PDB file of N, CA and C in Angstrom:
ATOM      1  N   UNK A   1      89.283 123.395  87.585  1.00  0.00           N
ATOM      2  CA  UNK A   1      89.200 123.410  89.028  1.00  0.00           C
ATOM      3  C   UNK A   1      89.090 121.995  89.586  1.00  0.00           C
ATOM      4  N   UNK A   2      88.384 121.129  88.876  1.00  0.00           N
ATOM      5  CA  UNK A   2      88.223 119.759  89.370  1.00  0.00           C
ATOM      6  C   UNK A   2      89.568 119.025  89.374  1.00  0.00           C
ATOM      7  N   UNK A   3      90.437 119.354  88.438  1.00  0.00           N
ATOM      8  CA  UNK A   3      91.760 118.729  88.423  1.00  0.00           C
ATOM      9  C   UNK A   3      92.576 119.160  89.637  1.00  0.00           C
ATOM     10  N   UNK A   4      92.399 120.385  90.074  1.00  0.00           N
ATOM     11  CA  UNK A   4      93.089 120.857  91.269  1.00  0.00           C
ATOM     12  C   UNK A   4      92.616 120.140  92.519  1.00  0.00           C
ATOM     13  N   UNK A   5      91.303 119.947  92.623  1.00  0.00           N
ATOM     14  CA  UNK A   5      90.751 119.227  93.767  1.00  0.00           C
ATOM     15  C   UNK A   5      91.226 117.778  93.759  1.00  0.00           C
ATOM     16  N   UNK A   6      91.204 117.151  92.587  1.00  0.00           N
ATOM     17  CA  UNK A   6      91.692 115.778  92.487  1.00  0.00           C
ATOM     18  C   UNK A   6      93.181 115.691  92.809  1.00  0.00           C
ATOM     19  N   UNK A   7      93.941 116.713  92.417  1.00  0.00           N
ATOM     20  CA  UNK A   7      95.366 116.736  92.735  1.00  0.00           C
ATOM     21  C   UNK A   7      95.627 116.829  94.227  1.00  0.00           C
ATOM     22  N   UNK A   8      94.846 117.656  94.905  1.00  0.00           N
ATOM     23  CA  UNK A   8      94.999 117.782  96.367  1.00  0.00           C
ATOM     24  C   UNK A   8      94.626 116.473  97.060  1.00  0.00           C
ATOM     25  N   UNK A   9      93.533 115.862  96.625  1.00  0.00           N
ATOM     26  CA  UNK A   9      93.131 114.578  97.210  1.00  0.00           C
ATOM     27  C   UNK A   9      94.206 113.524  96.942  1.00  0.00           C
ATOM     28  N   UNK A  10      94.793 113.544  95.738  1.00  0.00           N
ATOM     29  CA  UNK A  10      95.854 112.591  95.414  1.00  0.00           C
ATOM     30  C   UNK A  10      97.079 112.820  96.292  1.00  0.00           C
ATOM     31  N   UNK A  11      97.428 114.083  96.543  1.00  0.00           N
ATOM     32  CA  UNK A  11      98.574 114.367  97.407  1.00  0.00           C
ATOM     33  C   UNK A  11      98.353 113.853  98.828  1.00  0.00           C
ATOM     34  N   UNK A  12      97.186 114.114  99.349  1.00  0.00           N
ATOM     35  CA  UNK A  12      96.878 113.646 100.708  1.00  0.00           C
ATOM     36  C   UNK A  12      96.820 112.119 100.765  1.00  0.00           C
ATOM     37  N   UNK A  13      96.256 111.513  99.730  1.00  0.00           N
ATOM     38  CA  UNK A  13      96.191 110.054  99.685  1.00  0.00           C
ATOM     39  C   UNK A  13      97.583 109.444  99.573  1.00  0.00           C
ATOM     40  N   UNK A  14      98.469 110.091  98.814  1.00  0.00           N
ATOM     41  CA  UNK A  14      99.838 109.584  98.690  1.00  0.00           C
ATOM     42  C   UNK A  14     100.572 109.659 100.022  1.00  0.00           C
ATOM     43  N   UNK A  15     100.399 110.763 100.733  1.00  0.00           N
ATOM     44  CA  UNK A  15     101.034 110.899 102.043  1.00  0.00           C
ATOM     45  C   UNK A  15     100.553 109.801 102.988  1.00  0.00           C
ATOM     46  N   UNK A  16      99.249 109.595 103.030  1.00  0.00           N
ATOM     47  CA  UNK A  16      98.699 108.574 103.920  1.00  0.00           C
ATOM     48  C   UNK A  16      99.056 107.163 103.452  1.00  0.00           C
ATOM     49  N   UNK A  17      99.194 106.960 102.148  1.00  0.00           N
ATOM     50  CA  UNK A  17      99.614 105.650 101.638  1.00  0.00           C
ATOM     51  C   UNK A  17     101.053 105.356 102.053  1.00  0.00           C
ATOM     52  N   UNK A  18     101.900 106.366 102.036  1.00  0.00           N
ATOM     53  CA  UNK A  18     103.274 106.171 102.507  1.00  0.00           C
ATOM     54  C   UNK A  18     103.321 105.789 103.973  1.00  0.00           C
ATOM     55  N   UNK A  19     102.504 106.453 104.781  1.00  0.00           N
ATOM     56  CA  UNK A  19     102.430 106.107 106.204  1.00  0.00           C
ATOM     57  C   UNK A  19     101.864 104.700 106.391  1.00  0.00           C
ATOM     58  N   UNK A  20     100.845 104.352 105.609  1.00  0.00           N
ATOM     59  CA  UNK A  20     100.217 103.041 105.729  1.00  0.00           C
ATOM     60  C   UNK A  20     101.165 101.931 105.274  1.00  0.00           C
ATOM     61  N   UNK A  21     102.007 102.224 104.288  1.00  0.00           N
ATOM     62  CA  UNK A  21     102.970 101.215 103.834  1.00  0.00           C
ATOM     63  C   UNK A  21     103.913 100.836 104.964  1.00  0.00           C
ATOM     64  N   UNK A  22     104.458 101.814 105.630  1.00  0.00           N
ATOM     65  CA  UNK A  22     105.358 101.507 106.740  1.00  0.00           C
ATOM     66  C   UNK A  22     104.603 100.825 107.881  1.00  0.00           C
ATOM     67  N   UNK A  23     103.401 101.290 108.172  1.00  0.00           N
ATOM     68  CA  UNK A  23     102.616 100.658 109.228  1.00  0.00           C
ATOM     69  C   UNK A  23     102.274  99.215 108.903  1.00  0.00           C
ATOM     70  N   UNK A  24     101.974  98.935 107.654  1.00  0.00           N
ATOM     71  CA  UNK A  24     101.669  97.557 107.254  1.00  0.00           C
ATOM     72  C   UNK A  24     102.922  96.691 107.305  1.00  0.00           C
ATOM     73  N   UNK A  25     104.065  97.251 106.917  1.00  0.00           N
ATOM     74  CA  UNK A  25     105.315  96.485 106.958  1.00  0.00           C
ATOM     75  C   UNK A  25     105.716  96.155 108.384  1.00  0.00           C
ATOM     76  N   UNK A  26     105.421  97.063 109.309  1.00  0.00           N
ATOM     77  CA  UNK A  26     105.777  96.827 110.713  1.00  0.00           C
ATOM     78  C   UNK A  26     104.699  96.073 111.479  1.00  0.00           C
ATOM     79  N   UNK A  27     103.565  95.844 110.866  1.00  0.00           N
ATOM     80  CA  UNK A  27     102.504  95.093 111.508  1.00  0.00           C
ATOM     81  C   UNK A  27     101.560  95.921 112.346  1.00  0.00           C
ATOM     82  N   UNK A  28     101.622  97.250 112.228  1.00  0.00           N
ATOM     83  CA  UNK A  28     100.721  98.114 112.988  1.00  0.00           C
ATOM     84  C   UNK A  28      99.331  98.165 112.367  1.00  0.00           C
ATOM     85  N   UNK A  29      99.270  98.079 111.042  1.00  0.00           N
ATOM     86  CA  UNK A  29      98.011  98.176 110.314  1.00  0.00           C
ATOM     87  C   UNK A  29      97.803  96.925 109.479  1.00  0.00           C
ATOM     88  N   UNK A  30      96.559  96.708 109.116  1.00  0.00           N
ATOM     89  CA  UNK A  30      96.265  95.660 108.145  1.00  0.00           C
ATOM     90  C   UNK A  30      96.652  96.158 106.763  1.00  0.00           C
ATOM     91  N   UNK A  31      96.945  95.236 105.878  1.00  0.00           N
ATOM     92  CA  UNK A  31      97.332  95.595 104.522  1.00  0.00           C
ATOM     93  C   UNK A  31      96.175  96.257 103.773  1.00  0.00           C
ATOM     94  N   UNK A  32      94.955  96.004 104.218  1.00  0.00           N
ATOM     95  CA  UNK A  32      93.792  96.600 103.548  1.00  0.00           C
ATOM     96  C   UNK A  32      93.792  98.123 103.688  1.00  0.00           C
ATOM     97  N   UNK A  33      94.366  98.654 104.748  1.00  0.00           N
ATOM     98  CA  UNK A  33      94.450 100.112 104.903  1.00  0.00           C
ATOM     99  C   UNK A  33      95.346 100.705 103.813  1.00  0.00           C
ATOM    100  N   UNK A  34      96.448 100.033 103.542  1.00  0.00           N
ATOM    101  CA  UNK A  34      97.329 100.481 102.464  1.00  0.00           C
ATOM    102  C   UNK A  34      96.610 100.421 101.130  1.00  0.00           C
ATOM    103  N   UNK A  35      95.897  99.330 100.866  1.00  0.00           N
ATOM    104  CA  UNK A  35      95.189  99.194  99.586  1.00  0.00           C
ATOM    105  C   UNK A  35      94.113 100.263  99.424  1.00  0.00           C
ATOM    106  N   UNK A  36      93.428 100.609 100.493  1.00  0.00           N
ATOM    107  CA  UNK A  36      92.394 101.647 100.393  1.00  0.00           C
ATOM    108  C   UNK A  36      92.997 102.982  99.988  1.00  0.00           C
ATOM    109  N   UNK A  37      94.129 103.337 100.585  1.00  0.00           N
ATOM    110  CA  UNK A  37      94.766 104.599 100.213  1.00  0.00           C
ATOM    111  C   UNK A  37      95.299 104.549  98.795  1.00  0.00           C
ATOM    112  N   UNK A  38      95.841 103.412  98.380  1.00  0.00           N
ATOM    113  CA  UNK A  38      96.357 103.292  97.019  1.00  0.00           C
ATOM    114  C   UNK A  38      95.245 103.365  95.979  1.00  0.00           C
ATOM    115  N   UNK A  39      94.080 102.772  96.275  1.00  0.00           N
ATOM    116  CA  UNK A  39      92.957 102.850  95.344  1.00  0.00           C
ATOM    117  C   UNK A  39      92.497 104.292  95.194  1.00  0.00           C
ATOM    118  N   UNK A  40      92.389 105.017  96.293  1.00  0.00           N
ATOM    119  CA  UNK A  40      92.010 106.433  96.216  1.00  0.00           C
ATOM    120  C   UNK A  40      93.016 107.224  95.386  1.00  0.00           C
ATOM    121  N   UNK A  41      94.282 106.952  95.615  1.00  0.00           N
ATOM    122  CA  UNK A  41      95.340 107.649  94.902  1.00  0.00           C
ATOM    123  C   UNK A  41      95.272 107.379  93.405  1.00  0.00           C
ATOM    124  N   UNK A  42      95.159 106.127  93.036  1.00  0.00           N
ATOM    125  CA  UNK A  42      95.126 105.768  91.612  1.00  0.00           C
ATOM    126  C   UNK A  42      93.881 106.332  90.940  1.00  0.00           C
ATOM    127  N   UNK A  43      92.747 106.265  91.609  1.00  0.00           N
ATOM    128  CA  UNK A  43      91.526 106.814  91.019  1.00  0.00           C
ATOM    129  C   UNK A  43      91.642 108.316  90.770  1.00  0.00           C
ATOM    130  N   UNK A  44      92.232 109.034  91.699  1.00  0.00           N
ATOM    131  CA  UNK A  44      92.406 110.477  91.507  1.00  0.00           C
ATOM    132  C   UNK A  44      93.350 110.774  90.348  1.00  0.00           C
ATOM    133  N   UNK A  45      94.447 110.033  90.265  1.00  0.00           N
ATOM    134  CA  UNK A  45      95.404 110.287  89.194  1.00  0.00           C
ATOM    135  C   UNK A  45      94.838 109.916  87.826  1.00  0.00           C
ATOM    136  N   UNK A  46      94.092 108.831  87.768  1.00  0.00           N
ATOM    137  CA  UNK A  46      93.458 108.438  86.496  1.00  0.00           C
ATOM    138  C   UNK A  46      92.387 109.446  86.108  1.00  0.00           C
ATOM    139  N   UNK A  47      91.625 109.906  87.072  1.00  0.00           N
ATOM    140  CA  UNK A  47      90.569 110.878  86.773  1.00  0.00           C
ATOM    141  C   UNK A  47      91.159 112.197  86.281  1.00  0.00           C
ATOM    142  N   UNK A  48      92.342 112.554  86.756  1.00  0.00           N
ATOM    143  CA  UNK A  48      92.974 113.784  86.285  1.00  0.00           C
ATOM    144  C   UNK A  48      93.343 113.699  84.808  1.00  0.00           C
ATOM    145  N   UNK A  49      93.743 112.533  84.354  1.00  0.00           N
ATOM    146  CA  UNK A  49      94.194 112.363  82.973  1.00  0.00           C
ATOM    147  C   UNK A  49      93.102 111.788  82.070  1.00  0.00           C
ATOM    148  N   UNK A  50      91.903 111.602  82.569  1.00  0.00           N
ATOM    149  CA  UNK A  50      90.849 110.933  81.798  1.00  0.00           C
ATOM    150  C   UNK A  50      90.370 111.780  80.634  1.00  0.00           C
ATOM    151  N   UNK A  51      89.950 112.994  80.872  1.00  0.00           N
ATOM    152  CA  UNK A  51      89.350 113.846  79.836  1.00  0.00           C
ATOM    153  C   UNK A  51      90.367 114.650  79.048  1.00  0.00           C
ATOM    154  N   UNK A  52      91.439 115.048  79.696  1.00  0.00           N
ATOM    155  CA  UNK A  52      92.426 115.897  79.043  1.00  0.00           C
ATOM    156  C   UNK A  52      93.723 115.128  78.872  1.00  0.00           C
ATOM    157  N   UNK A  53      94.488 115.491  77.859  1.00  0.00           N
ATOM    158  CA  UNK A  53      95.769 114.798  77.678  1.00  0.00           C
ATOM    159  C   UNK A  53      96.726 115.121  78.826  1.00  0.00           C
ATOM    160  N   UNK A  54      97.708 114.273  78.956  1.00  0.00           N
ATOM    161  CA  UNK A  54      98.709 114.488  79.999  1.00  0.00           C
ATOM    162  C   UNK A  54      99.499 115.750  79.650  1.00  0.00           C
ATOM    163  N   UNK A  55      99.478 116.697  80.553  1.00  0.00           N
ATOM    164  CA  UNK A  55     100.160 117.965  80.327  1.00  0.00           C
ATOM    165  C   UNK A  55     101.065 118.273  81.511  1.00  0.00           C
ATOM    166  N   UNK A  56     101.557 119.473  81.561  1.00  0.00           N
ATOM    167  CA  UNK A  56     102.491 119.880  82.613  1.00  0.00           C
ATOM    168  C   UNK A  56     101.853 119.775  83.997  1.00  0.00           C
ATOM    169  N   UNK A  57     100.589 120.144  84.099  1.00  0.00           N
ATOM    170  CA  UNK A  57      99.903 120.077  85.400  1.00  0.00           C
ATOM    171  C   UNK A  57      99.857 118.641  85.911  1.00  0.00           C
ATOM    172  N   UNK A  58      99.541 117.711  85.040  1.00  0.00           N
ATOM    173  CA  UNK A  58      99.472 116.301  85.443  1.00  0.00           C
ATOM    174  C   UNK A  58     100.848 115.773  85.835  1.00  0.00           C
ATOM    175  N   UNK A  59     101.864 116.115  85.072  1.00  0.00           N
ATOM    176  CA  UNK A  59     103.216 115.632  85.373  1.00  0.00           C
ATOM    177  C   UNK A  59     103.718 116.210  86.693  1.00  0.00           C
ATOM    178  N   UNK A  60     103.484 117.505  86.918  1.00  0.00           N
ATOM    179  CA  UNK A  60     103.891 118.120  88.183  1.00  0.00           C
ATOM    180  C   UNK A  60     103.134 117.486  89.346  1.00  0.00           C
ATOM    181  N   UNK A  61     101.860 117.221  89.146  1.00  0.00           N
ATOM    182  CA  UNK A  61     101.071 116.563  90.200  1.00  0.00           C
ATOM    183  C   UNK A  61     101.618 115.183  90.493  1.00  0.00           C
ATOM    184  N   UNK A  62     101.968 114.421  89.472  1.00  0.00           N
ATOM    185  CA  UNK A  62     102.523 113.088  89.685  1.00  0.00           C
ATOM    186  C   UNK A  62     103.844 113.153  90.440  1.00  0.00           C
ATOM    187  N   UNK A  63     104.679 114.131  90.108  1.00  0.00           N
ATOM    188  CA  UNK A  63     105.947 114.276  90.830  1.00  0.00           C
ATOM    189  C   UNK A  63     105.711 114.662  92.289  1.00  0.00           C
ATOM    190  N   UNK A  64     104.761 115.554  92.522  1.00  0.00           N
ATOM    191  CA  UNK A  64     104.426 115.931  93.900  1.00  0.00           C
ATOM    192  C   UNK A  64     103.829 114.754  94.671  1.00  0.00           C
ATOM    193  N   UNK A  65     103.045 113.935  93.985  1.00  0.00           N
ATOM    194  CA  UNK A  65     102.464 112.748  94.620  1.00  0.00           C
ATOM    195  C   UNK A  65     103.575 111.781  95.031  1.00  0.00           C
ATOM    196  N   UNK A  66     104.558 111.584  94.165  1.00  0.00           N
ATOM    197  CA  UNK A  66     105.680 110.705  94.515  1.00  0.00           C
ATOM    198  C   UNK A  66     106.440 111.256  95.720  1.00  0.00           C
ATOM    199  N   UNK A  67     106.646 112.575  95.745  1.00  0.00           N
ATOM    200  CA  UNK A  67     107.325 113.190  96.888  1.00  0.00           C
ATOM    201  C   UNK A  67     106.486 113.065  98.156  1.00  0.00           C
ATOM    202  N   UNK A  68     105.178 113.233  98.052  1.00  0.00           N
ATOM    203  CA  UNK A  68     104.307 113.111  99.227  1.00  0.00           C
ATOM    204  C   UNK A  68     104.308 111.686  99.760  1.00  0.00           C
ATOM    205  N   UNK A  69     104.360 110.706  98.863  1.00  0.00           N
ATOM    206  CA  UNK A  69     104.426 109.307  99.297  1.00  0.00           C
ATOM    207  C   UNK A  69     105.710 109.063 100.086  1.00  0.00           C
ATOM    208  N   UNK A  70     106.821 109.544  99.557  1.00  0.00           N
ATOM    209  CA  UNK A  70     108.092 109.393 100.268  1.00  0.00           C
ATOM    210  C   UNK A  70     108.117 110.142 101.587  1.00  0.00           C
ATOM    211  N   UNK A  71     107.512 111.330 101.601  1.00  0.00           N
ATOM    212  CA  UNK A  71     107.452 112.116 102.830  1.00  0.00           C
ATOM    213  C   UNK A  71     106.618 111.400 103.881  1.00  0.00           C
ATOM    214  N   UNK A  72     105.507 110.805 103.478  1.00  0.00           N
ATOM    215  CA  UNK A  72     104.670 110.061 104.416  1.00  0.00           C
ATOM    216  C   UNK A  72     105.402 108.866 105.000  1.00  0.00           C
ATOM    217  N   UNK A  73     106.134 108.156 104.149  1.00  0.00           N
ATOM    218  CA  UNK A  73     106.909 107.013 104.622  1.00  0.00           C
ATOM    219  C   UNK A  73     107.987 107.472 105.597  1.00  0.00           C
ATOM    220  N   UNK A  74     108.689 108.544 105.245  1.00  0.00           N
ATOM    221  CA  UNK A  74     109.747 109.064 106.110  1.00  0.00           C
ATOM    222  C   UNK A  74     109.167 109.566 107.438  1.00  0.00           C
ATOM    223  N   UNK A  75     108.039 110.259 107.367  1.00  0.00           N
ATOM    224  CA  UNK A  75     107.429 110.800 108.580  1.00  0.00           C
ATOM    225  C   UNK A  75     107.008 109.681 109.530  1.00  0.00           C
ATOM    226  N   UNK A  76     106.504 108.592 108.984  1.00  0.00           N
ATOM    227  CA  UNK A  76     106.088 107.476 109.834  1.00  0.00           C
ATOM    228  C   UNK A  76     107.291 106.722 110.403  1.00  0.00           C
ATOM    229  N   UNK A  77     108.429 106.799 109.743  1.00  0.00           N
ATOM    230  CA  UNK A  77     109.593 106.041 110.206  1.00  0.00           C
ATOM    231  C   UNK A  77     110.375 106.753 111.304  1.00  0.00           C
ATOM    232  N   UNK A  78     110.134 108.039 111.495  1.00  0.00           N
ATOM    233  CA  UNK A  78     110.856 108.775 112.539  1.00  0.00           C
ATOM    234  C   UNK A  78     110.355 108.350 113.916  1.00  0.00           C
ATOM    235  N   UNK A  79     111.271 108.160 114.855  1.00  0.00           N
ATOM    236  CA  UNK A  79     110.828 107.820 116.213  1.00  0.00           C
ATOM    237  C   UNK A  79     110.170 109.019 116.885  1.00  0.00           C
ATOM    238  N   UNK A  80     109.087 108.773 117.566  1.00  0.00           N
ATOM    239  CA  UNK A  80     108.367 109.830 118.275  1.00  0.00           C
ATOM    240  C   UNK A  80     108.895 109.921 119.702  1.00  0.00           C
ATOM    241  N   UNK A  81     109.141 111.140 120.150  1.00  0.00           N
ATOM    242  CA  UNK A  81     109.596 111.350 121.515  1.00  0.00           C
ATOM    243  C   UNK A  81     108.372 111.568 122.392  1.00  0.00           C
ATOM    244  N   UNK A  82     108.258 110.776 123.433  1.00  0.00           N
ATOM    245  CA  UNK A  82     107.136 110.890 124.357  1.00  0.00           C
ATOM    246  C   UNK A  82     107.416 112.028 125.334  1.00  0.00           C
ATOM    247  N   UNK A  83     106.484 112.930 125.420  1.00  0.00           N
ATOM    248  CA  UNK A  83     106.640 114.058 126.332  1.00  0.00           C
ATOM    249  C   UNK A  83     106.324 113.607 127.756  1.00  0.00           C
ATOM    250  N   UNK A  84     107.184 113.990 128.690  1.00  0.00           N
ATOM    251  CA  UNK A  84     106.993 113.625 130.090  1.00  0.00           C
ATOM    252  C   UNK A  84     106.105 114.681 130.762  1.00  0.00           C
ATOM    253  N   UNK A  85     104.902 114.293 131.094  1.00  0.00           N
ATOM    254  CA  UNK A  85     103.926 115.211 131.683  1.00  0.00           C
ATOM    255  C   UNK A  85     103.717 114.991 133.167  1.00  0.00           C
ATOM    256  N   UNK A  86     104.566 114.200 133.801  1.00  0.00           N
ATOM    257  CA  UNK A  86     104.352 113.907 135.229  1.00  0.00           C
ATOM    258  C   UNK A  86     104.469 115.143 136.096  1.00  0.00           C
ATOM    259  N   UNK A  87     105.361 116.067 135.734  1.00  0.00           N
ATOM    260  CA  UNK A  87     105.486 117.304 136.517  1.00  0.00           C
ATOM    261  C   UNK A  87     104.215 118.140 136.434  1.00  0.00           C
ATOM    262  N   UNK A  88     103.596 118.173 135.289  1.00  0.00           N
ATOM    263  CA  UNK A  88     102.366 118.964 135.131  1.00  0.00           C
ATOM    264  C   UNK A  88     101.162 118.304 135.795  1.00  0.00           C
ATOM    265  N   UNK A  89     101.124 117.000 135.738  1.00  0.00           N
ATOM    266  CA  UNK A  89      99.973 116.285 136.310  1.00  0.00           C
ATOM    267  C   UNK A  89     100.049 116.238 137.829  1.00  0.00           C
ATOM    268  N   UNK A  90     101.235 115.896 138.341  1.00  0.00           N
ATOM    269  CA  UNK A  90     101.366 115.680 139.775  1.00  0.00           C
ATOM    270  C   UNK A  90     102.094 116.824 140.466  1.00  0.00           C
ATOM    271  N   UNK A  91     101.985 118.000 139.923  1.00  0.00           N
ATOM    272  CA  UNK A  91     102.620 119.166 140.539  1.00  0.00           C
ATOM    273  C   UNK A  91     101.824 119.566 141.778  1.00  0.00           C
ATOM    274  N   UNK A  92     102.449 119.622 142.892  1.00  0.00           N
ATOM    275  CA  UNK A  92     101.659 119.917 144.072  1.00  0.00           C
ATOM    276  C   UNK A  92     102.367 120.501 145.165  1.00  0.00           C
TER     277      UNK A  92
END
């Protein structure tokens, strides 16, 4: 069960690390934010493989982590459309 919890934390950390990488490259965030997410990610992945040998669960988790990192980077790179709320605010 602890490996599952560590896997979920690693997935979330990978997603946020991908977002932080793009933010750091564009100058929105400090590089330390990226390093914090990467440290969390690496610690979770190492802890998953610490006591037990690398097996199918670990390999699948690593592949999902790589996909989550790419998804986070892609999600941060998409332009956000600003919703126009002037009609709702100034409706009178």
